[in-house]
Protein backbone atom coordinates (compact mmCIF):
# COMPACT_ATOMS: atom_id res chain seq x y z
CA MET A 1 6.81 274.86 213.80
CA SER A 2 10.50 274.08 213.54
CA ASP A 3 12.15 274.70 210.18
CA LEU A 4 12.84 271.48 208.29
CA TYR A 5 16.19 270.49 206.73
CA CYS A 6 17.64 267.19 205.57
CA VAL A 7 20.44 265.40 203.79
CA PHE A 8 19.73 263.37 200.64
CA GLY A 9 21.89 260.43 199.68
CA ASN A 10 21.97 256.78 198.70
CA PRO A 11 23.05 255.16 200.96
CA ILE A 12 22.35 257.57 203.80
CA ALA A 13 21.87 255.60 207.05
CA HIS A 14 25.56 256.12 207.94
CA SER A 15 25.33 259.91 207.66
CA LYS A 16 26.63 261.95 210.59
CA SER A 17 24.90 265.09 209.30
CA PRO A 18 21.72 264.84 211.46
CA ALA A 19 23.80 264.64 214.66
CA ILE A 20 26.10 267.45 213.51
CA HIS A 21 23.29 269.84 212.64
CA ALA A 22 21.31 268.98 215.77
CA ALA A 23 24.39 269.95 217.78
CA PHE A 24 24.81 273.15 215.77
CA ALA A 25 21.14 274.06 216.30
CA GLY A 26 21.39 273.47 220.04
CA ALA A 27 24.56 275.51 220.36
CA THR A 28 23.22 278.48 218.36
CA GLY A 29 19.61 278.46 219.57
CA GLN A 30 18.19 277.76 216.11
CA ASP A 31 14.79 276.05 215.95
CA LEU A 32 15.11 273.40 213.28
CA ILE A 33 14.72 269.71 212.55
CA TYR A 34 17.27 267.91 210.38
CA GLU A 35 16.65 264.48 208.89
CA ALA A 36 18.45 261.92 206.75
CA ARG A 37 16.41 261.05 203.66
CA LEU A 38 17.10 258.15 201.34
CA ALA A 39 16.41 259.00 197.69
CA ALA A 40 16.12 256.31 195.06
CA ILE A 41 19.02 256.32 192.60
CA ASP A 42 16.65 257.46 189.86
CA GLY A 43 14.39 259.41 192.21
CA PHE A 44 16.31 262.47 193.40
CA LEU A 45 14.01 265.05 191.79
CA PRO A 46 10.79 263.53 193.18
CA ALA A 47 12.41 263.27 196.62
CA VAL A 48 13.38 266.94 196.58
CA SER A 49 9.96 267.97 195.28
CA ALA A 50 8.22 266.04 198.06
CA PHE A 51 10.53 267.58 200.65
CA ILE A 52 9.81 271.12 199.40
CA ALA A 53 6.07 270.36 199.43
CA ALA A 54 6.42 269.26 203.07
CA GLY A 55 7.88 272.66 203.94
CA GLY A 56 11.58 271.88 203.65
CA LYS A 57 13.80 274.95 203.85
CA GLY A 58 17.10 273.46 202.71
CA ALA A 59 19.06 270.29 202.16
CA ASN A 60 22.51 268.84 202.02
CA VAL A 61 23.27 266.52 199.13
CA THR A 62 25.77 263.69 199.20
CA VAL A 63 26.76 260.77 196.96
CA PRO A 64 25.55 260.15 194.30
CA PHE A 65 23.37 263.24 193.75
CA LYS A 66 25.71 266.27 193.80
CA GLU A 67 25.77 266.70 190.02
CA GLU A 68 22.00 266.20 189.80
CA ALA A 69 21.57 268.88 192.47
CA TYR A 70 23.74 271.17 190.36
CA ARG A 71 21.39 270.71 187.40
CA LEU A 72 18.32 271.15 189.59
CA ALA A 73 19.36 274.52 191.02
CA THR A 74 17.78 277.61 189.50
CA ARG A 75 20.57 279.82 190.92
CA LEU A 76 24.15 278.86 191.74
CA SER A 77 26.83 280.36 193.94
CA ASP A 78 30.11 281.11 192.18
CA ARG A 79 31.82 278.24 193.98
CA ALA A 80 29.09 275.78 192.99
CA ALA A 81 29.28 276.92 189.38
CA ARG A 82 33.04 276.35 189.46
CA ALA A 83 32.71 272.95 191.11
CA GLY A 84 30.03 271.70 188.74
CA ALA A 85 28.42 270.09 191.78
CA VAL A 86 26.14 271.13 194.62
CA ASN A 87 26.12 269.80 198.18
CA THR A 88 23.86 272.48 199.72
CA LEU A 89 20.40 273.53 198.56
CA ALA A 90 18.25 276.36 199.90
CA PHE A 91 14.57 276.67 198.93
CA ASN A 92 12.88 280.09 198.75
CA GLY A 93 9.59 280.19 196.90
CA SER A 94 10.21 278.91 193.39
CA GLU A 95 13.98 279.45 193.67
CA ILE A 96 16.34 276.57 194.36
CA PHE A 97 19.73 277.98 195.36
CA GLY A 98 22.70 275.65 194.94
CA ASP A 99 25.98 276.03 196.77
CA ASN A 100 29.07 273.93 197.34
CA THR A 101 30.64 274.14 200.80
CA ASP A 102 33.19 271.33 200.42
CA GLY A 103 36.12 273.54 199.42
CA ALA A 104 35.40 276.08 202.14
CA GLY A 105 35.22 273.25 204.66
CA LEU A 106 38.54 271.80 203.53
CA VAL A 107 40.34 275.15 203.61
CA ARG A 108 38.95 276.08 207.01
CA ASP A 109 39.92 272.72 208.51
CA ILE A 110 43.47 273.03 207.19
CA THR A 111 44.04 276.69 207.99
CA HIS A 112 41.97 277.11 211.17
CA ASN A 113 41.78 273.73 212.91
CA LEU A 114 45.21 272.47 211.87
CA GLY A 115 46.89 275.88 211.84
CA PHE A 116 48.48 275.29 208.44
CA PRO A 117 48.48 278.44 206.23
CA LEU A 118 48.28 277.78 202.49
CA ALA A 119 49.81 280.98 201.11
CA GLY A 120 53.07 280.22 199.34
CA LYS A 121 52.71 276.45 199.77
CA ARG A 122 53.34 273.81 197.10
CA ILE A 123 50.18 271.70 196.89
CA LEU A 124 49.72 268.25 195.36
CA LEU A 125 46.08 267.25 194.80
CA LEU A 126 45.56 263.53 194.17
CA GLY A 127 42.60 262.65 191.97
CA ALA A 128 40.69 264.43 189.21
CA GLY A 129 37.10 263.59 190.08
CA GLY A 130 34.31 265.57 191.66
CA ALA A 131 36.00 265.79 195.07
CA SER A 132 38.99 267.52 193.51
CA ARG A 133 36.91 269.80 191.33
CA GLY A 134 35.01 271.10 194.35
CA VAL A 135 38.12 272.28 196.21
CA ILE A 136 40.46 273.69 193.53
CA ALA A 137 39.07 277.24 193.43
CA PRO A 138 39.04 277.64 197.24
CA LEU A 139 42.61 276.31 197.41
CA LEU A 140 43.78 278.73 194.70
CA ALA A 141 42.09 281.60 196.54
CA GLU A 142 44.59 281.04 199.36
CA LYS A 143 47.45 281.99 196.98
CA PRO A 144 49.61 278.86 197.11
CA ALA A 145 52.96 278.87 195.29
CA SER A 146 51.77 276.04 193.04
CA LEU A 147 49.06 273.44 192.58
CA PHE A 148 49.71 270.12 190.83
CA ILE A 149 46.88 267.69 190.09
CA ALA A 150 47.98 264.06 189.83
CA ASN A 151 45.69 261.31 188.59
CA ARG A 152 45.92 257.78 187.20
CA SER A 153 44.73 259.27 183.93
CA ALA A 154 46.95 262.23 183.11
CA ASP A 155 44.49 263.38 180.44
CA LYS A 156 41.68 263.72 182.96
CA ALA A 157 43.97 265.72 185.27
CA ALA A 158 44.95 267.99 182.38
CA VAL A 159 41.31 268.71 181.53
CA LEU A 160 40.66 269.67 185.15
CA ALA A 161 43.73 271.89 185.32
CA HIS A 162 42.66 273.69 182.13
CA ALA A 163 39.21 274.36 183.62
CA PHE A 164 40.80 276.43 186.39
CA ALA A 165 43.67 277.99 184.44
CA ASP A 166 41.94 281.38 184.41
CA ILE A 167 42.20 281.79 188.20
CA GLY A 168 45.62 280.33 188.95
CA MET A 169 48.61 278.36 187.77
CA VAL A 170 47.59 274.71 187.82
CA ASN A 171 49.73 271.90 186.44
CA ALA A 172 48.74 268.29 185.98
CA GLY A 173 50.00 264.82 185.17
CA SER A 174 50.00 261.18 186.17
CA PHE A 175 51.04 260.01 189.63
CA SER A 176 54.46 259.11 188.26
CA GLU A 177 54.91 262.64 186.91
CA ALA A 178 55.00 263.91 190.50
CA ALA A 179 58.35 262.13 190.88
CA GLY A 180 61.22 264.47 191.62
CA LYS A 181 58.88 267.10 193.06
CA SER A 182 58.42 267.94 196.73
CA PHE A 183 55.22 269.33 198.24
CA ASP A 184 54.22 271.12 201.44
CA LEU A 185 50.66 269.81 201.31
CA VAL A 186 49.48 266.56 199.73
CA ILE A 187 45.69 266.07 199.61
CA ASN A 188 44.14 262.72 198.78
CA ALA A 189 40.86 263.42 196.99
CA THR A 190 40.56 259.91 195.53
CA SER A 191 38.26 257.24 196.95
CA ALA A 192 41.14 254.78 197.38
CA SER A 193 40.98 254.87 201.18
CA LEU A 194 37.35 253.74 201.14
CA SER A 195 38.41 250.42 199.68
CA GLY A 196 41.65 250.16 201.65
CA GLU A 197 43.67 250.71 198.49
CA SER A 198 47.13 252.28 198.41
CA LEU A 199 48.02 254.80 195.70
CA PRO A 200 51.10 254.29 193.48
CA LEU A 201 52.84 257.46 194.65
CA PRO A 202 56.53 258.07 193.94
CA PRO A 203 58.87 258.49 196.93
CA GLY A 204 60.05 261.93 197.96
CA ILE A 205 56.83 263.88 197.36
CA PHE A 206 56.36 264.73 201.05
CA ALA A 207 58.53 267.69 202.09
CA PRO A 208 59.97 267.47 205.64
CA ASP A 209 57.28 269.74 207.14
CA CYS A 210 54.52 268.44 204.85
CA LEU A 211 50.88 268.07 205.83
CA ALA A 212 49.33 264.90 204.38
CA TYR A 213 45.54 265.26 204.26
CA ASP A 214 43.07 262.52 203.37
CA MET A 215 39.53 263.68 202.56
CA MET A 216 38.34 260.24 203.65
CA TYR A 217 38.12 259.18 207.28
CA GLY A 218 37.49 256.03 209.22
CA LYS A 219 38.44 254.12 212.32
CA GLY A 220 42.21 254.07 212.40
CA GLU A 221 44.76 255.26 209.87
CA THR A 222 43.89 255.29 206.18
CA PRO A 223 46.33 253.65 203.72
CA PHE A 224 47.26 257.07 202.35
CA LEU A 225 48.11 258.44 205.79
CA ALA A 226 50.06 255.28 206.61
CA LEU A 227 52.11 255.83 203.44
CA ALA A 228 52.62 259.48 204.33
CA ARG A 229 53.85 258.53 207.81
CA ALA A 230 56.24 255.96 206.34
CA GLN A 231 57.60 258.58 203.94
CA GLY A 232 58.17 261.12 206.71
CA ALA A 233 55.22 263.53 206.47
CA ALA A 234 55.40 265.58 209.66
CA MET A 235 51.65 266.25 209.90
CA ARG A 236 48.79 263.94 208.97
CA ALA A 237 45.03 264.50 209.10
CA ASP A 238 41.88 262.77 207.89
CA GLY A 239 38.72 264.38 206.52
CA LEU A 240 36.62 264.40 209.68
CA GLY A 241 37.39 268.09 210.20
CA MET A 242 36.37 268.85 206.62
CA LEU A 243 33.06 267.07 207.27
CA ALA A 244 32.34 269.26 210.28
CA GLU A 245 33.48 272.48 208.60
CA GLN A 246 31.50 272.00 205.38
CA ALA A 247 28.44 271.35 207.54
CA ALA A 248 29.07 274.57 209.48
CA GLU A 249 29.35 276.46 206.20
CA ALA A 250 26.04 274.99 205.01
CA PHE A 251 24.45 275.96 208.34
CA PHE A 252 25.67 279.51 207.78
CA VAL A 253 24.19 279.56 204.25
CA TRP A 254 20.79 278.57 205.66
CA ARG A 255 20.67 280.41 208.99
CA GLY A 256 23.17 283.26 208.75
CA VAL A 257 24.90 281.94 211.87
CA ARG A 258 28.28 280.20 211.85
CA PRO A 259 28.45 277.54 214.57
CA SER A 260 31.66 276.53 216.30
CA THR A 261 32.83 273.08 215.27
CA ARG A 262 35.21 272.38 218.15
CA GLU A 263 32.88 270.38 220.39
CA VAL A 264 31.16 268.64 217.48
CA LEU A 265 34.48 267.59 216.00
CA ALA A 266 35.75 266.33 219.35
CA ASP A 267 32.56 264.27 219.76
CA LEU A 268 32.85 262.84 216.24
CA ARG A 269 36.47 261.94 216.89
CA ALA A 270 35.66 260.23 220.19
CA LYS A 271 32.85 258.18 218.66
CA LEU A 272 35.03 257.16 215.72
CA ALA A 273 37.67 255.83 218.14
CA THR A 274 35.23 253.55 220.00
């Protein structure tokens, strides 16, 4: 029988994960089935238990269950422990291993797919929620010159910066406190683009050769990327590459094989444009 994997979320019908992992399995010769499973908002644990009972080997976890998956895990990777959230589960007997591949996916997309090295770069991270928390440690591991977290609530940004102070120099403040500073990489980790909302960012934050990166993606340009273009950011990218790369990292956690994302990403991009 084929090994069984899935993604849990609510909502979940829109998920691209089944198509991505089916493509990975085909390309690497792995015998597996990957499904999208809707879990009730208050029913994540029963959904996971039923999946394990059905022979499930592993699962991805998306909104709104990443923190619940973190609490469910009996063993955590270092990066999941740092993130305080889990997006990848692996089941082995009574053990539930929790990992977080979001940060690895982001870094690989930026450094490998976009060819933008992070060492020595000045990074501005917008937002202080779970999306930011999951990528700070992997970003710091690339040895940037500086990392500044900007958020509507400066206090929330400061708490997040303090949580990672032991592994790197992280500063924080409100969006307005980024004024007068210039950055080589500006990452939007807020959900503003999902609602078509623009962020109140001060002018001048995008250095001439800056990469503006939005973790969100959609058909056409996000409001953040439109702002970045208007303010002269030389490079702009959405989060579709991060989606593919975090999936490849999860596939590696489960199967010990790292699939190429090039064809999958090209297919995702083509379908998004139609």
